[in-house]
Amino acid sequence: MTIERIPCVYIVASGYNGALYVGVTSNLIGRILQHRAGTFDGHTKKYRIKRLVYFEIAETMEAAIAREKQLKRYRRDWKRNLIERENPAWNDLAVGLGLSPVTA
């Protein structure tokens, strides 16, 4: 099984300490490409939230959904601390998955 088909919860940001979005998918690369293309109207498109700054792999889609709900309940400060523990510079983690860096 490749990373593209593993259930995970993810956080994308507009930039360092910028607007955040928490989501869940079984195709992380495909979902990040959708965010970058502005496929979905709403919060991520409006605030240009495209940079993958955090993700967790789950054993099942149900576990990923439960974790997404948990993360969405937390305040912004808690989410920011979670990101900074693993990714203190808020680098675009999608680059490590084979995608090009985010462009403006």
PDB file of N, CA and C in Angstrom:
ATOM      1  N   MET A   1       0.855  -1.185   0.000  1.00  0.00           N
ATOM      2  CA  MET A   1       0.000   0.000   0.000  1.00  0.00           C
ATOM      3  C   MET A   1       0.893   1.237   0.000  1.00  0.00           C
ATOM      4  N   THR A   2       0.594   2.204  -0.851  1.00  0.00           N
ATOM      5  CA  THR A   2       1.383   3.422  -0.932  1.00  0.00           C
ATOM      6  C   THR A   2       0.742   4.513  -0.073  1.00  0.00           C
ATOM      7  N   ILE A   3       1.485   5.565   0.179  1.00  0.00           N
ATOM      8  CA  ILE A   3       0.997   6.667   1.013  1.00  0.00           C
ATOM      9  C   ILE A   3      -0.277   7.278   0.440  1.00  0.00           C
ATOM     10  N   GLU A   4      -0.475   7.204  -0.870  1.00  0.00           N
ATOM     11  CA  GLU A   4      -1.651   7.804  -1.481  1.00  0.00           C
ATOM     12  C   GLU A   4      -2.951   7.130  -1.042  1.00  0.00           C
ATOM     13  N   ARG A   5      -2.886   5.900  -0.576  1.00  0.00           N
ATOM     14  CA  ARG A   5      -4.102   5.165  -0.220  1.00  0.00           C
ATOM     15  C   ARG A   5      -4.145   4.772   1.252  1.00  0.00           C
ATOM     16  N   ILE A   6      -3.502   5.547   2.075  1.00  0.00           N
ATOM     17  CA  ILE A   6      -3.507   5.285   3.511  1.00  0.00           C
ATOM     18  C   ILE A   6      -4.392   6.328   4.189  1.00  0.00           C
ATOM     19  N   PRO A   7      -5.326   5.882   5.036  1.00  0.00           N
ATOM     20  CA  PRO A   7      -6.177   6.847   5.742  1.00  0.00           C
ATOM     21  C   PRO A   7      -5.328   7.766   6.623  1.00  0.00           C
ATOM     22  N   CYS A   8      -5.603   9.049   6.547  1.00  0.00           N
ATOM     23  CA  CYS A   8      -4.864   9.976   7.404  1.00  0.00           C
ATOM     24  C   CYS A   8      -5.678  11.233   7.663  1.00  0.00           C
ATOM     25  N   VAL A   9      -5.281  11.918   8.711  1.00  0.00           N
ATOM     26  CA  VAL A   9      -5.809  13.228   9.034  1.00  0.00           C
ATOM     27  C   VAL A   9      -4.678  14.206   8.757  1.00  0.00           C
ATOM     28  N   TYR A  10      -5.026  15.391   8.279  1.00  0.00           N
ATOM     29  CA  TYR A  10      -3.988  16.327   7.880  1.00  0.00           C
ATOM     30  C   TYR A  10      -4.379  17.748   8.250  1.00  0.00           C
ATOM     31  N   ILE A  11      -3.364  18.607   8.323  1.00  0.00           N
ATOM     32  CA  ILE A  11      -3.594  20.036   8.531  1.00  0.00           C
ATOM     33  C   ILE A  11      -2.867  20.769   7.419  1.00  0.00           C
ATOM     34  N   VAL A  12      -3.581  21.647   6.734  1.00  0.00           N
ATOM     35  CA  VAL A  12      -2.987  22.527   5.737  1.00  0.00           C
ATOM     36  C   VAL A  12      -3.083  23.958   6.266  1.00  0.00           C
ATOM     37  N   ALA A  13      -2.137  24.786   5.823  1.00  0.00           N
ATOM     38  CA  ALA A  13      -2.077  26.165   6.284  1.00  0.00           C
ATOM     39  C   ALA A  13      -1.838  27.089   5.104  1.00  0.00           C
ATOM     40  N   SER A  14      -2.166  28.362   5.304  1.00  0.00           N
ATOM     41  CA  SER A  14      -1.911  29.355   4.269  1.00  0.00           C
ATOM     42  C   SER A  14      -0.457  29.809   4.291  1.00  0.00           C
ATOM     43  N   GLY A  15       0.234  29.554   5.376  1.00  0.00           N
ATOM     44  CA  GLY A  15       1.629  29.936   5.539  1.00  0.00           C
ATOM     45  C   GLY A  15       2.010  29.776   6.992  1.00  0.00           C
ATOM     46  N   TYR A  16       3.187  30.251   7.352  1.00  0.00           N
ATOM     47  CA  TYR A  16       3.634  30.156   8.734  1.00  0.00           C
ATOM     48  C   TYR A  16       2.626  30.820   9.661  1.00  0.00           C
ATOM     49  N   ASN A  17       2.127  30.045  10.615  1.00  0.00           N
ATOM     50  CA  ASN A  17       1.166  30.535  11.606  1.00  0.00           C
ATOM     51  C   ASN A  17      -0.062  31.170  10.951  1.00  0.00           C
ATOM     52  N   GLY A  18      -0.401  30.699   9.737  1.00  0.00           N
ATOM     53  CA  GLY A  18      -1.517  31.266   8.994  1.00  0.00           C
ATOM     54  C   GLY A  18      -2.828  30.550   9.265  1.00  0.00           C
ATOM     55  N   ALA A  19      -3.780  30.760   8.383  1.00  0.00           N
ATOM     56  CA  ALA A  19      -5.087  30.111   8.470  1.00  0.00           C
ATOM     57  C   ALA A  19      -4.905  28.603   8.353  1.00  0.00           C
ATOM     58  N   LEU A  20      -5.708  27.850   9.106  1.00  0.00           N
ATOM     59  CA  LEU A  20      -5.590  26.390   9.157  1.00  0.00           C
ATOM     60  C   LEU A  20      -6.858  25.709   8.683  1.00  0.00           C
ATOM     61  N   TYR A  21      -6.669  24.478   8.204  1.00  0.00           N
ATOM     62  CA  TYR A  21      -7.793  23.604   7.863  1.00  0.00           C
ATOM     63  C   TYR A  21      -7.398  22.186   8.253  1.00  0.00           C
ATOM     64  N   VAL A  22      -8.274  21.499   8.972  1.00  0.00           N
ATOM     65  CA  VAL A  22      -8.070  20.103   9.354  1.00  0.00           C
ATOM     66  C   VAL A  22      -8.979  19.252   8.492  1.00  0.00           C
ATOM     67  N   GLY A  23      -8.418  18.209   7.861  1.00  0.00           N
ATOM     68  CA  GLY A  23      -9.206  17.338   7.006  1.00  0.00           C
ATOM     69  C   GLY A  23      -8.806  15.885   7.156  1.00  0.00           C
ATOM     70  N   VAL A  24      -9.521  15.024   6.463  1.00  0.00           N
ATOM     71  CA  VAL A  24      -9.258  13.588   6.480  1.00  0.00           C
ATOM     72  C   VAL A  24      -9.368  13.068   5.056  1.00  0.00           C
ATOM     73  N   THR A  25      -8.548  12.086   4.728  1.00  0.00           N
ATOM     74  CA  THR A  25      -8.556  11.519   3.376  1.00  0.00           C
ATOM     75  C   THR A  25      -7.880  10.158   3.386  1.00  0.00           C
ATOM     76  N   SER A  26      -8.096   9.401   2.332  1.00  0.00           N
ATOM     77  CA  SER A  26      -7.340   8.166   2.116  1.00  0.00           C
ATOM     78  C   SER A  26      -6.383   8.344   0.945  1.00  0.00           C
ATOM     79  N   ASN A  27      -6.353   9.546   0.377  1.00  0.00           N
ATOM     80  CA  ASN A  27      -5.472   9.856  -0.748  1.00  0.00           C
ATOM     81  C   ASN A  27      -4.856  11.235  -0.496  1.00  0.00           C
ATOM     82  N   LEU A  28      -3.836  11.272   0.350  1.00  0.00           N
ATOM     83  CA  LEU A  28      -3.268  12.540   0.791  1.00  0.00           C
ATOM     84  C   LEU A  28      -2.727  13.375  -0.368  1.00  0.00           C
ATOM     85  N   ILE A  29      -1.968  12.774  -1.247  1.00  0.00           N
ATOM     86  CA  ILE A  29      -1.401  13.533  -2.357  1.00  0.00           C
ATOM     87  C   ILE A  29      -2.517  14.097  -3.243  1.00  0.00           C
ATOM     88  N   GLY A  30      -3.495  13.275  -3.562  1.00  0.00           N
ATOM     89  CA  GLY A  30      -4.617  13.746  -4.373  1.00  0.00           C
ATOM     90  C   GLY A  30      -5.377  14.884  -3.713  1.00  0.00           C
ATOM     91  N   ARG A  31      -5.583  14.782  -2.398  1.00  0.00           N
ATOM     92  CA  ARG A  31      -6.309  15.827  -1.690  1.00  0.00           C
ATOM     93  C   ARG A  31      -5.518  17.127  -1.645  1.00  0.00           C
ATOM     94  N   ILE A  32      -4.201  17.040  -1.445  1.00  0.00           N
ATOM     95  CA  ILE A  32      -3.376  18.243  -1.434  1.00  0.00           C
ATOM     96  C   ILE A  32      -3.402  18.908  -2.817  1.00  0.00           C
ATOM     97  N   LEU A  33      -3.359  18.102  -3.865  1.00  0.00           N
ATOM     98  CA  LEU A  33      -3.456  18.659  -5.216  1.00  0.00           C
ATOM     99  C   LEU A  33      -4.792  19.377  -5.418  1.00  0.00           C
ATOM    100  N   GLN A  34      -5.860  18.833  -4.851  1.00  0.00           N
ATOM    101  CA  GLN A  34      -7.174  19.488  -4.944  1.00  0.00           C
ATOM    102  C   GLN A  34      -7.168  20.827  -4.213  1.00  0.00           C
ATOM    103  N   HIS A  35      -6.572  20.867  -3.017  1.00  0.00           N
ATOM    104  CA  HIS A  35      -6.485  22.130  -2.278  1.00  0.00           C
ATOM    105  C   HIS A  35      -5.694  23.159  -3.081  1.00  0.00           C
ATOM    106  N   ARG A  36      -4.581  22.714  -3.663  1.00  0.00           N
ATOM    107  CA  ARG A  36      -3.732  23.636  -4.415  1.00  0.00           C
ATOM    108  C   ARG A  36      -4.413  24.154  -5.675  1.00  0.00           C
ATOM    109  N   ALA A  37      -5.250  23.330  -6.275  1.00  0.00           N
ATOM    110  CA  ALA A  37      -5.966  23.733  -7.491  1.00  0.00           C
ATOM    111  C   ALA A  37      -7.198  24.582  -7.179  1.00  0.00           C
ATOM    112  N   GLY A  38      -7.563  24.679  -5.901  1.00  0.00           N
ATOM    113  CA  GLY A  38      -8.746  25.444  -5.528  1.00  0.00           C
ATOM    114  C   GLY A  38     -10.032  24.754  -5.946  1.00  0.00           C
ATOM    115  N   THR A  39     -10.018  23.423  -5.954  1.00  0.00           N
ATOM    116  CA  THR A  39     -11.160  22.632  -6.395  1.00  0.00           C
ATOM    117  C   THR A  39     -12.401  22.865  -5.542  1.00  0.00           C
ATOM    118  N   PHE A  40     -12.199  23.063  -4.245  1.00  0.00           N
ATOM    119  CA  PHE A  40     -13.330  23.206  -3.326  1.00  0.00           C
ATOM    120  C   PHE A  40     -13.574  24.670  -3.005  1.00  0.00           C
ATOM    121  N   ASP A  41     -14.813  25.120  -3.160  1.00  0.00           N
ATOM    122  CA  ASP A  41     -15.165  26.459  -2.694  1.00  0.00           C
ATOM    123  C   ASP A  41     -15.198  26.431  -1.177  1.00  0.00           C
ATOM    124  N   GLY A  42     -15.000  27.576  -0.570  1.00  0.00           N
ATOM    125  CA  GLY A  42     -15.090  27.658   0.881  1.00  0.00           C
ATOM    126  C   GLY A  42     -13.806  28.152   1.516  1.00  0.00           C
ATOM    127  N   HIS A  43     -13.617  27.748   2.764  1.00  0.00           N
ATOM    128  CA  HIS A  43     -12.541  28.234   3.625  1.00  0.00           C
ATOM    129  C   HIS A  43     -11.156  28.080   2.999  1.00  0.00           C
ATOM    130  N   THR A  44     -10.821  26.895   2.497  1.00  0.00           N
ATOM    131  CA  THR A  44      -9.464  26.685   1.975  1.00  0.00           C
ATOM    132  C   THR A  44      -9.209  27.493   0.711  1.00  0.00           C
ATOM    133  N   LYS A  45     -10.196  27.640  -0.118  1.00  0.00           N
ATOM    134  CA  LYS A  45     -10.026  28.434  -1.345  1.00  0.00           C
ATOM    135  C   LYS A  45      -9.966  29.923  -1.012  1.00  0.00           C
ATOM    136  N   LYS A  46     -10.864  30.367  -0.157  1.00  0.00           N
ATOM    137  CA  LYS A  46     -10.937  31.786   0.208  1.00  0.00           C
ATOM    138  C   LYS A  46      -9.639  32.292   0.826  1.00  0.00           C
ATOM    139  N   TYR A  47      -9.041  31.467   1.703  1.00  0.00           N
ATOM    140  CA  TYR A  47      -7.839  31.889   2.417  1.00  0.00           C
ATOM    141  C   TYR A  47      -6.550  31.298   1.842  1.00  0.00           C
ATOM    142  N   ARG A  48      -6.657  30.688   0.658  1.00  0.00           N
ATOM    143  CA  ARG A  48      -5.493  30.111  -0.039  1.00  0.00           C
ATOM    144  C   ARG A  48      -4.698  29.163   0.855  1.00  0.00           C
ATOM    145  N   ILE A  49      -5.404  28.235   1.453  1.00  0.00           N
ATOM    146  CA  ILE A  49      -4.803  27.267   2.367  1.00  0.00           C
ATOM    147  C   ILE A  49      -4.350  26.070   1.541  1.00  0.00           C
ATOM    148  N   LYS A  50      -3.042  25.960   1.325  1.00  0.00           N
ATOM    149  CA  LYS A  50      -2.510  24.961   0.396  1.00  0.00           C
ATOM    150  C   LYS A  50      -1.299  24.191   0.917  1.00  0.00           C
ATOM    151  N   ARG A  51      -0.680  24.653   1.982  1.00  0.00           N
ATOM    152  CA  ARG A  51       0.577  24.065   2.454  1.00  0.00           C
ATOM    153  C   ARG A  51       0.311  22.963   3.474  1.00  0.00           C
ATOM    154  N   LEU A  52       0.749  21.744   3.173  1.00  0.00           N
ATOM    155  CA  LEU A  52       0.616  20.624   4.108  1.00  0.00           C
ATOM    156  C   LEU A  52       1.644  20.803   5.219  1.00  0.00           C
ATOM    157  N   VAL A  53       1.164  21.051   6.443  1.00  0.00           N
ATOM    158  CA  VAL A  53       2.086  21.299   7.549  1.00  0.00           C
ATOM    159  C   VAL A  53       2.078  20.184   8.593  1.00  0.00           C
ATOM    160  N   TYR A  54       1.109  19.266   8.509  1.00  0.00           N
ATOM    161  CA  TYR A  54       1.029  18.177   9.492  1.00  0.00           C
ATOM    162  C   TYR A  54       0.145  17.076   8.929  1.00  0.00           C
ATOM    163  N   PHE A  55       0.513  15.839   9.201  1.00  0.00           N
ATOM    164  CA  PHE A  55      -0.394  14.727   8.912  1.00  0.00           C
ATOM    165  C   PHE A  55      -0.083  13.551   9.817  1.00  0.00           C
ATOM    166  N   GLU A  56      -1.099  12.762  10.073  1.00  0.00           N
ATOM    167  CA  GLU A  56      -0.988  11.530  10.865  1.00  0.00           C
ATOM    168  C   GLU A  56      -1.612  10.404  10.066  1.00  0.00           C
ATOM    169  N   ILE A  57      -0.941   9.291  10.017  1.00  0.00           N
ATOM    170  CA  ILE A  57      -1.482   8.107   9.361  1.00  0.00           C
ATOM    171  C   ILE A  57      -2.302   7.327  10.386  1.00  0.00           C
ATOM    172  N   ALA A  58      -3.440   6.815   9.952  1.00  0.00           N
ATOM    173  CA  ALA A  58      -4.317   6.035  10.823  1.00  0.00           C
ATOM    174  C   ALA A  58      -4.427   4.605  10.294  1.00  0.00           C
ATOM    175  N   GLU A  59      -4.801   3.700  11.161  1.00  0.00           N
ATOM    176  CA  GLU A  59      -4.948   2.300  10.745  1.00  0.00           C
ATOM    177  C   GLU A  59      -6.193   2.075   9.901  1.00  0.00           C
ATOM    178  N   THR A  60      -7.249   2.818  10.197  1.00  0.00           N
ATOM    179  CA  THR A  60      -8.504   2.686   9.452  1.00  0.00           C
ATOM    180  C   THR A  60      -9.063   4.070   9.146  1.00  0.00           C
ATOM    181  N   MET A  61      -9.964   4.139   8.196  1.00  0.00           N
ATOM    182  CA  MET A  61     -10.614   5.408   7.881  1.00  0.00           C
ATOM    183  C   MET A  61     -11.445   5.883   9.069  1.00  0.00           C
ATOM    184  N   GLU A  62     -12.062   4.960   9.780  1.00  0.00           N
ATOM    185  CA  GLU A  62     -12.857   5.328  10.953  1.00  0.00           C
ATOM    186  C   GLU A  62     -11.980   5.989  12.013  1.00  0.00           C
ATOM    187  N   ALA A  63     -10.773   5.463  12.217  1.00  0.00           N
ATOM    188  CA  ALA A  63      -9.836   6.054  13.181  1.00  0.00           C
ATOM    189  C   ALA A  63      -9.392   7.442  12.724  1.00  0.00           C
ATOM    190  N   ALA A  64      -9.175   7.601  11.433  1.00  0.00           N
ATOM    191  CA  ALA A  64      -8.776   8.904  10.897  1.00  0.00           C
ATOM    192  C   ALA A  64      -9.897   9.929  11.086  1.00  0.00           C
ATOM    193  N   ILE A  65     -11.127   9.525  10.853  1.00  0.00           N
ATOM    194  CA  ILE A  65     -12.271  10.420  11.028  1.00  0.00           C
ATOM    195  C   ILE A  65     -12.424  10.820  12.491  1.00  0.00           C
ATOM    196  N   ALA A  66     -12.254   9.858  13.388  1.00  0.00           N
ATOM    197  CA  ALA A  66     -12.344  10.159  14.823  1.00  0.00           C
ATOM    198  C   ALA A  66     -11.256  11.149  15.233  1.00  0.00           C
ATOM    199  N   ARG A  67     -10.048  10.967  14.722  1.00  0.00           N
ATOM    200  CA  ARG A  67      -8.951  11.879  15.049  1.00  0.00           C
ATOM    201  C   ARG A  67      -9.210  13.272  14.460  1.00  0.00           C
ATOM    202  N   GLU A  68      -9.760  13.327  13.246  1.00  0.00           N
ATOM    203  CA  GLU A  68     -10.109  14.614  12.644  1.00  0.00           C
ATOM    204  C   GLU A  68     -11.089  15.370  13.536  1.00  0.00           C
ATOM    205  N   LYS A  69     -12.120  14.690  13.998  1.00  0.00           N
ATOM    206  CA  LYS A  69     -13.108  15.325  14.870  1.00  0.00           C
ATOM    207  C   LYS A  69     -12.462  15.825  16.149  1.00  0.00           C
ATOM    208  N   GLN A  70     -11.535  15.035  16.688  1.00  0.00           N
ATOM    209  CA  GLN A  70     -10.823  15.425  17.899  1.00  0.00           C
ATOM    210  C   GLN A  70      -9.995  16.697  17.655  1.00  0.00           C
ATOM    211  N   LEU A  71      -9.235  16.707  16.566  1.00  0.00           N
ATOM    212  CA  LEU A  71      -8.397  17.873  16.263  1.00  0.00           C
ATOM    213  C   LEU A  71      -9.232  19.118  16.017  1.00  0.00           C
ATOM    214  N   LYS A  72     -10.368  18.966  15.356  1.00  0.00           N
ATOM    215  CA  LYS A  72     -11.223  20.122  15.065  1.00  0.00           C
ATOM    216  C   LYS A  72     -11.787  20.746  16.341  1.00  0.00           C
ATOM    217  N   ARG A  73     -11.925  19.961  17.401  1.00  0.00           N
ATOM    218  CA  ARG A  73     -12.440  20.489  18.668  1.00  0.00           C
ATOM    219  C   ARG A  73     -11.400  21.324  19.406  1.00  0.00           C
ATOM    220  N   TYR A  74     -10.119  21.075  19.135  1.00  0.00           N
ATOM    221  CA  TYR A  74      -9.062  21.797  19.843  1.00  0.00           C
ATOM    222  C   TYR A  74      -8.955  23.240  19.366  1.00  0.00           C
ATOM    223  N   ARG A  75      -8.502  24.085  20.267  1.00  0.00           N
ATOM    224  CA  ARG A  75      -8.298  25.496  19.947  1.00  0.00           C
ATOM    225  C   ARG A  75      -7.097  25.661  19.025  1.00  0.00           C
ATOM    226  N   ARG A  76      -7.033  26.801  18.394  1.00  0.00           N
ATOM    227  CA  ARG A  76      -5.955  27.097  17.451  1.00  0.00           C
ATOM    228  C   ARG A  76      -4.572  26.972  18.082  1.00  0.00           C
ATOM    229  N   ASP A  77      -4.394  27.460  19.296  1.00  0.00           N
ATOM    230  CA  ASP A  77      -3.089  27.378  19.969  1.00  0.00           C
ATOM    231  C   ASP A  77      -2.620  25.935  20.105  1.00  0.00           C
ATOM    232  N   TRP A  78      -3.537  25.043  20.446  1.00  0.00           N
ATOM    233  CA  TRP A  78      -3.177  23.637  20.594  1.00  0.00           C
ATOM    234  C   TRP A  78      -2.739  23.062  19.247  1.00  0.00           C
ATOM    235  N   LYS A  79      -3.468  23.390  18.182  1.00  0.00           N
ATOM    236  CA  LYS A  79      -3.122  22.910  16.839  1.00  0.00           C
ATOM    237  C   LYS A  79      -1.767  23.464  16.410  1.00  0.00           C
ATOM    238  N   ARG A  80      -1.532  24.733  16.682  1.00  0.00           N
ATOM    239  CA  ARG A  80      -0.250  25.345  16.338  1.00  0.00           C
ATOM    240  C   ARG A  80       0.897  24.631  17.062  1.00  0.00           C
ATOM    241  N   ASN A  81       0.714  24.326  18.339  1.00  0.00           N
ATOM    242  CA  ASN A  81       1.738  23.596  19.096  1.00  0.00           C
ATOM    243  C   ASN A  81       1.957  22.193  18.542  1.00  0.00           C
ATOM    244  N   LEU A  82       0.884  21.535  18.127  1.00  0.00           N
ATOM    245  CA  LEU A  82       0.999  20.209  17.516  1.00  0.00           C
ATOM    246  C   LEU A  82       1.845  20.280  16.254  1.00  0.00           C
ATOM    247  N   ILE A  83       1.572  21.246  15.413  1.00  0.00           N
ATOM    248  CA  ILE A  83       2.337  21.431  14.178  1.00  0.00           C
ATOM    249  C   ILE A  83       3.798  21.700  14.512  1.00  0.00           C
ATOM    250  N   GLU A  84       4.046  22.604  15.425  1.00  0.00           N
ATOM    251  CA  GLU A  84       5.417  23.028  15.712  1.00  0.00           C
ATOM    252  C   GLU A  84       6.253  21.963  16.406  1.00  0.00           C
ATOM    253  N   ARG A  85       5.629  21.011  17.091  1.00  0.00           N
ATOM    254  CA  ARG A  85       6.385  19.888  17.673  1.00  0.00           C
ATOM    255  C   ARG A  85       7.017  19.033  16.576  1.00  0.00           C
ATOM    256  N   GLU A  86       6.293  18.836  15.487  1.00  0.00           N
ATOM    257  CA  GLU A  86       6.753  17.978  14.390  1.00  0.00           C
ATOM    258  C   GLU A  86       7.380  18.763  13.243  1.00  0.00           C
ATOM    259  N   ASN A  87       6.956  20.002  13.058  1.00  0.00           N
ATOM    260  CA  ASN A  87       7.353  20.793  11.897  1.00  0.00           C
ATOM    261  C   ASN A  87       7.530  22.256  12.329  1.00  0.00           C
ATOM    262  N   PRO A  88       8.577  22.549  13.123  1.00  0.00           N
ATOM    263  CA  PRO A  88       8.717  23.887  13.704  1.00  0.00           C
ATOM    264  C   PRO A  88       8.816  25.020  12.691  1.00  0.00           C
ATOM    265  N   ALA A  89       9.299  24.751  11.498  1.00  0.00           N
ATOM    266  CA  ALA A  89       9.430  25.799  10.474  1.00  0.00           C
ATOM    267  C   ALA A  89       8.196  25.882   9.571  1.00  0.00           C
ATOM    268  N   TRP A  90       7.199  25.069   9.821  1.00  0.00           N
ATOM    269  CA  TRP A  90       5.990  25.024   9.006  1.00  0.00           C
ATOM    270  C   TRP A  90       6.332  24.761   7.537  1.00  0.00           C
ATOM    271  N   ASN A  91       7.279  23.869   7.312  1.00  0.00           N
ATOM    272  CA  ASN A  91       7.654  23.502   5.944  1.00  0.00           C
ATOM    273  C   ASN A  91       6.492  22.804   5.253  1.00  0.00           C
ATOM    274  N   ASP A  92       6.487  22.841   3.944  1.00  0.00           N
ATOM    275  CA  ASP A  92       5.478  22.144   3.152  1.00  0.00           C
ATOM    276  C   ASP A  92       5.866  20.670   3.078  1.00  0.00           C
ATOM    277  N   LEU A  93       5.195  19.835   3.870  1.00  0.00           N
ATOM    278  CA  LEU A  93       5.518  18.418   3.941  1.00  0.00           C
ATOM    279  C   LEU A  93       5.182  17.668   2.657  1.00  0.00           C
ATOM    280  N   ALA A  94       4.372  18.257   1.802  1.00  0.00           N
ATOM    281  CA  ALA A  94       4.018  17.629   0.533  1.00  0.00           C
ATOM    282  C   ALA A  94       5.239  17.482  -0.368  1.00  0.00           C
ATOM    283  N   VAL A  95       6.236  18.333  -0.195  1.00  0.00           N
ATOM    284  CA  VAL A  95       7.465  18.242  -0.983  1.00  0.00           C
ATOM    285  C   VAL A  95       8.131  16.891  -0.714  1.00  0.00           C
ATOM    286  N   GLY A  96       8.131  16.459   0.531  1.00  0.00           N
ATOM    287  CA  GLY A  96       8.690  15.158   0.894  1.00  0.00           C
ATOM    288  C   GLY A  96       7.889  13.985   0.344  1.00  0.00           C
ATOM    289  N   LEU A  97       6.663  14.243  -0.086  1.00  0.00           N
ATOM    290  CA  LEU A  97       5.825  13.204  -0.693  1.00  0.00           C
ATOM    291  C   LEU A  97       5.891  13.231  -2.208  1.00  0.00           C
ATOM    292  N   GLY A  98       6.757  14.102  -2.736  1.00  0.00           N
ATOM    293  CA  GLY A  98       6.967  14.139  -4.178  1.00  0.00           C
ATOM    294  C   GLY A  98       6.295  15.277  -4.920  1.00  0.00           C
ATOM    295  N   LEU A  99       5.607  16.159  -4.219  1.00  0.00           N
ATOM    296  CA  LEU A  99       4.958  17.292  -4.888  1.00  0.00           C
ATOM    297  C   LEU A  99       5.890  18.492  -4.929  1.00  0.00           C
ATOM    298  N   SER A 100       5.644  19.382  -5.848  1.00  0.00           N
ATOM    299  CA  SER A 100       6.401  20.624  -5.943  1.00  0.00           C
ATOM    300  C   SER A 100       6.014  21.536  -4.790  1.00  0.00           C
ATOM    301  N   PRO A 101       6.902  22.453  -4.405  1.00  0.00           N
ATOM    302  CA  PRO A 101       6.536  23.407  -3.346  1.00  0.00           C
ATOM    303  C   PRO A 101       5.343  24.260  -3.763  1.00  0.00           C
ATOM    304  N   VAL A 102       4.636  24.754  -2.766  1.00  0.00           N
ATOM    305  CA  VAL A 102       3.482  25.628  -3.003  1.00  0.00           C
ATOM    306  C   VAL A 102       3.962  26.908  -3.675  1.00  0.00           C
ATOM    307  N   THR A 103       3.191  27.333  -4.667  1.00  0.00           N
ATOM    308  CA  THR A 103       3.458  28.623  -5.298  1.00  0.00           C
ATOM    309  C   THR A 103       2.363  29.591  -4.874  1.00  0.00           C
ATOM    310  N   ALA A 104       2.627  30.846  -4.967  1.00  0.00           N
ATOM    311  CA  ALA A 104       1.650  31.874  -4.556  1.00  0.00           C
ATOM    312  C   ALA A 104       0.414  31.764  -5.358  1.00  0.00           C
TER     313      ALA A 104
END
